Structure formats: C-alpha cells, structure tokens
Amino acid sequence: MIKAGRRYEDIYNYRNSRYFAETVKNVRKEKKNKDLVIFAGACQSYYEALIDAGANFASSPARILIDFVDPLVVAEKIATTDSNQFITIYDIEEDLRDGERGINRDRSKWKEKNIVNLR
C-alpha cells in the first residue's frame, strides 16, 4: 500500500513492494526454471517494479485495492491450463473484479501481444 499520495515511481513510497521485488529477484536468481510463473504484489503495489524484478503477473497497475480472490483466480487458471494451450489475458480478465486495472502481466515476455503461453 502506498504511504503517500505522490511520487508513484519511488519504491520506498510503498509499504511492502520493495520486499516483494527483492523476493522475486532472489527466486529468479535461484530458480532458473522457465516454467516457474511468479505472481507478486498486493493492493496498491508498485506494479512496474514487480514486473521489472521478474514477476510474470503482478498487482496493481492502477494502484487500486484488489479483491483478495483475484490472485487465486490467476493462479488457478495457470495451474489448470494445459501446457500446450494458449490463452489471452482477457480470458482471465472476465473472472477478475477489476480486470487489468487490478492485475496484469509482463507483456514483453510473450510471443504475441495478447497471447500468453502459460507454461
């Protein structure tokens, strides 16, 4: 959660995002497995820092309070999707309270703009 209502680009202005980002970096360093999907963050997290740290999905690009179930919805979709199947972020968005405003993914790591290979 952000401490003050300004300077959104300062990670020290967020209560927990620097710890989330550190953890993601450490996991990526230790586990070089491409199949590992990391979801990081919580309400009003510093989304860009979490994605830059190596998270595949993070909350909250719009700096909003997310529904506590939304990360579980994403994790369930990832875990139950066949490794050869492609889905779009919009397949997940329908099941999320705030859609892409609450949770999003790192678009640069995927083969096509709107298609996600979950494995």
C-alpha atoms as a PDB file:
ATOM      1  CA  MET A   1       0.000   0.000   0.000  1.00  0.00           C
ATOM      2  CA  ILE A   2       1.336   3.410  -0.904  1.00  0.00           C
ATOM      3  CA  LYS A   3       2.409   5.583   2.035  1.00  0.00           C
ATOM      4  CA  ALA A   4       1.708   8.950   0.469  1.00  0.00           C
ATOM      5  CA  GLY A   5      -0.374  10.100  -2.476  1.00  0.00           C
ATOM      6  CA  ARG A   6       2.531  11.199  -4.683  1.00  0.00           C
ATOM      7  CA  ARG A   7       5.831  10.009  -6.203  1.00  0.00           C
ATOM      8  CA  TYR A   8       4.489   6.717  -7.506  1.00  0.00           C
ATOM      9  CA  GLU A   9       7.875   5.869  -9.083  1.00  0.00           C
ATOM     10  CA  ASP A  10       9.653   5.744  -5.667  1.00  0.00           C
ATOM     11  CA  ILE A  11       9.676   2.182  -4.335  1.00  0.00           C
ATOM     12  CA  TYR A  12      10.291   3.487  -0.819  1.00  0.00           C
ATOM     13  CA  ASN A  13       6.905   5.173  -1.006  1.00  0.00           C
ATOM     14  CA  TYR A  14       5.268   1.718  -0.861  1.00  0.00           C
ATOM     15  CA  ARG A  15       4.998  -0.308   2.335  1.00  0.00           C
ATOM     16  CA  ASN A  16       5.842  -3.782   1.007  1.00  0.00           C
ATOM     17  CA  SER A  17       6.691  -3.587  -2.689  1.00  0.00           C
ATOM     18  CA  ARG A  18      10.455  -3.481  -2.179  1.00  0.00           C
ATOM     19  CA  TYR A  19      10.241  -6.740  -0.209  1.00  0.00           C
ATOM     20  CA  PHE A  20       8.078  -8.330  -2.896  1.00  0.00           C
ATOM     21  CA  ALA A  21      10.566  -7.183  -5.579  1.00  0.00           C
ATOM     22  CA  GLU A  22      13.570  -8.469  -3.594  1.00  0.00           C
ATOM     23  CA  THR A  23      11.896 -11.839  -3.169  1.00  0.00           C
ATOM     24  CA  VAL A  24      11.059 -12.117  -6.872  1.00  0.00           C
ATOM     25  CA  LYS A  25      14.673 -11.257  -7.818  1.00  0.00           C
ATOM     26  CA  ASN A  26      16.027 -13.837  -5.372  1.00  0.00           C
ATOM     27  CA  VAL A  27      13.698 -16.559  -6.625  1.00  0.00           C
ATOM     28  CA  ARG A  28      14.571 -15.810 -10.262  1.00  0.00           C
ATOM     29  CA  LYS A  29      18.274 -15.958  -9.375  1.00  0.00           C
ATOM     30  CA  GLU A  30      17.943 -19.303  -7.565  1.00  0.00           C
ATOM     31  CA  LYS A  31      15.366 -20.957  -9.830  1.00  0.00           C
ATOM     32  CA  LYS A  32      16.345 -20.603 -13.448  1.00  0.00           C
ATOM     33  CA  ASN A  33      13.321 -22.667 -14.489  1.00  0.00           C
ATOM     34  CA  LYS A  34      11.380 -21.044 -17.348  1.00  0.00           C
ATOM     35  CA  ASP A  35       8.242 -22.916 -16.266  1.00  0.00           C
ATOM     36  CA  LEU A  36       8.109 -21.020 -12.980  1.00  0.00           C
ATOM     37  CA  VAL A  37       5.298 -18.454 -13.004  1.00  0.00           C
ATOM     38  CA  ILE A  38       5.514 -15.783 -10.310  1.00  0.00           C
ATOM     39  CA  PHE A  39       2.597 -13.679  -9.142  1.00  0.00           C
ATOM     40  CA  ALA A  40       3.693 -10.813  -6.888  1.00  0.00           C
ATOM     41  CA  GLY A  41       2.151  -7.922  -5.092  1.00  0.00           C
ATOM     42  CA  ALA A  42      -0.878  -6.877  -3.140  1.00  0.00           C
ATOM     43  CA  CYS A  43      -3.204  -3.902  -3.009  1.00  0.00           C
ATOM     44  CA  GLN A  44      -1.678  -0.716  -4.387  1.00  0.00           C
ATOM     45  CA  SER A  45       1.693  -2.361  -5.135  1.00  0.00           C
ATOM     46  CA  TYR A  46       4.406  -0.812  -7.283  1.00  0.00           C
ATOM     47  CA  TYR A  47       3.450  -2.862 -10.331  1.00  0.00           C
ATOM     48  CA  GLU A  48       6.321  -1.775 -12.595  1.00  0.00           C
ATOM     49  CA  ALA A  49       8.985  -2.658 -10.005  1.00  0.00           C
ATOM     50  CA  LEU A  50       7.494  -6.127  -9.522  1.00  0.00           C
ATOM     51  CA  ILE A  51       7.420  -6.815 -13.253  1.00  0.00           C
ATOM     52  CA  ASP A  52      10.983  -5.460 -13.647  1.00  0.00           C
ATOM     53  CA  ALA A  53      12.081  -7.772 -10.806  1.00  0.00           C
ATOM     54  CA  GLY A  54      10.875 -10.780 -12.819  1.00  0.00           C
ATOM     55  CA  ALA A  55       7.248 -11.418 -11.871  1.00  0.00           C
ATOM     56  CA  ASN A  56       5.043 -12.756 -14.655  1.00  0.00           C
ATOM     57  CA  PHE A  57       1.888 -11.330 -13.100  1.00  0.00           C
ATOM     58  CA  ALA A  58       1.611  -8.524 -10.574  1.00  0.00           C
ATOM     59  CA  SER A  59      -0.939  -6.342  -8.913  1.00  0.00           C
ATOM     60  CA  SER A  60      -1.957  -3.423  -9.017  1.00  0.00           C
ATOM     61  CA  PRO A  61      -1.122  -1.446 -12.178  1.00  0.00           C
ATOM     62  CA  ALA A  62      -3.844   1.113 -11.400  1.00  0.00           C
ATOM     63  CA  ARG A  63      -2.736   1.371  -7.713  1.00  0.00           C
ATOM     64  CA  ILE A  64      -6.160   0.199  -6.532  1.00  0.00           C
ATOM     65  CA  LEU A  65      -7.341  -2.141  -3.797  1.00  0.00           C
ATOM     66  CA  ILE A  66      -7.711  -5.550  -5.437  1.00  0.00           C
ATOM     67  CA  ASP A  67     -10.070  -8.337  -4.485  1.00  0.00           C
ATOM     68  CA  PHE A  68      -8.202 -10.897  -2.370  1.00  0.00           C
ATOM     69  CA  VAL A  69      -9.548 -13.685  -4.592  1.00  0.00           C
ATOM     70  CA  ASP A  70      -8.099 -12.278  -7.836  1.00  0.00           C
ATOM     71  CA  PRO A  71      -4.549 -13.684  -7.407  1.00  0.00           C
ATOM     72  CA  LEU A  72      -6.115 -17.076  -6.683  1.00  0.00           C
ATOM     73  CA  VAL A  73      -8.151 -16.871  -9.895  1.00  0.00           C
ATOM     74  CA  VAL A  74      -4.981 -16.207 -11.907  1.00  0.00           C
ATOM     75  CA  ALA A  75      -3.060 -18.996 -10.160  1.00  0.00           C
ATOM     76  CA  GLU A  76      -5.919 -21.451 -10.700  1.00  0.00           C
ATOM     77  CA  LYS A  77      -6.125 -20.587 -14.399  1.00  0.00           C
ATOM     78  CA  ILE A  78      -2.377 -21.074 -14.811  1.00  0.00           C
ATOM     79  CA  ALA A  79      -2.335 -24.337 -12.878  1.00  0.00           C
ATOM     80  CA  THR A  80      -5.274 -25.881 -14.713  1.00  0.00           C
ATOM     81  CA  THR A  81      -4.481 -24.788 -18.278  1.00  0.00           C
ATOM     82  CA  ASP A  82      -2.865 -27.413 -20.487  1.00  0.00           C
ATOM     83  CA  SER A  83       0.785 -26.571 -21.165  1.00  0.00           C
ATOM     84  CA  ASN A  84       0.175 -26.613 -24.931  1.00  0.00           C
ATOM     85  CA  GLN A  85      -2.786 -24.260 -24.793  1.00  0.00           C
ATOM     86  CA  PHE A  86      -2.568 -20.521 -25.333  1.00  0.00           C
ATOM     87  CA  ILE A  87      -4.915 -18.171 -23.534  1.00  0.00           C
ATOM     88  CA  THR A  88      -5.258 -14.427 -23.579  1.00  0.00           C
ATOM     89  CA  ILE A  89      -5.141 -12.125 -20.600  1.00  0.00           C
ATOM     90  CA  TYR A  90      -8.736 -11.358 -21.474  1.00  0.00           C
ATOM     91  CA  ASP A  91      -9.694 -14.962 -20.650  1.00  0.00           C
ATOM     92  CA  ILE A  92      -8.607 -14.271 -17.079  1.00  0.00           C
ATOM     93  CA  GLU A  93      -9.911 -10.699 -17.020  1.00  0.00           C
ATOM     94  CA  GLU A  94     -13.539 -11.830 -17.135  1.00  0.00           C
ATOM     95  CA  ASP A  95     -13.119 -13.556 -13.774  1.00  0.00           C
ATOM     96  CA  LEU A  96     -11.377 -10.657 -12.034  1.00  0.00           C
ATOM     97  CA  ARG A  97     -13.244  -7.949 -10.167  1.00  0.00           C
ATOM     98  CA  ASP A  98     -11.181  -5.082 -11.600  1.00  0.00           C
ATOM     99  CA  GLY A  99      -9.727  -6.757 -14.690  1.00  0.00           C
ATOM    100  CA  GLU A 100      -6.438  -5.387 -15.994  1.00  0.00           C
ATOM    101  CA  ARG A 101      -6.603  -2.446 -13.593  1.00  0.00           C
ATOM    102  CA  GLY A 102      -6.107  -4.824 -10.655  1.00  0.00           C
ATOM    103  CA  ILE A 103      -3.842  -7.483 -12.150  1.00  0.00           C
ATOM    104  CA  ASN A 104      -1.743  -7.628 -15.272  1.00  0.00           C
ATOM    105  CA  ARG A 105       1.218  -9.458 -16.756  1.00  0.00           C
ATOM    106  CA  ASP A 106       4.560  -8.684 -18.307  1.00  0.00           C
ATOM    107  CA  ARG A 107       3.733  -8.328 -21.994  1.00  0.00           C
ATOM    108  CA  SER A 108       7.355  -8.316 -23.154  1.00  0.00           C
ATOM    109  CA  LYS A 109       7.910 -11.992 -22.300  1.00  0.00           C
ATOM    110  CA  TRP A 110       5.196 -13.396 -24.541  1.00  0.00           C
ATOM    111  CA  LYS A 111       5.379 -14.332 -28.217  1.00  0.00           C
ATOM    112  CA  GLU A 112       2.441 -12.237 -29.380  1.00  0.00           C
ATOM    113  CA  LYS A 113       0.911  -9.073 -27.986  1.00  0.00           C
ATOM    114  CA  ASN A 114      -2.238 -10.580 -26.485  1.00  0.00           C
ATOM    115  CA  ILE A 115      -1.431 -14.288 -26.259  1.00  0.00           C
ATOM    116  CA  VAL A 116       0.022 -15.938 -23.185  1.00  0.00           C
ATOM    117  CA  ASN A 117       1.693 -19.333 -23.137  1.00  0.00           C
ATOM    118  CA  LEU A 118       1.252 -20.265 -19.502  1.00  0.00           C
ATOM    119  CA  ARG A 119       3.905 -22.988 -19.436  1.00  0.00           C
END
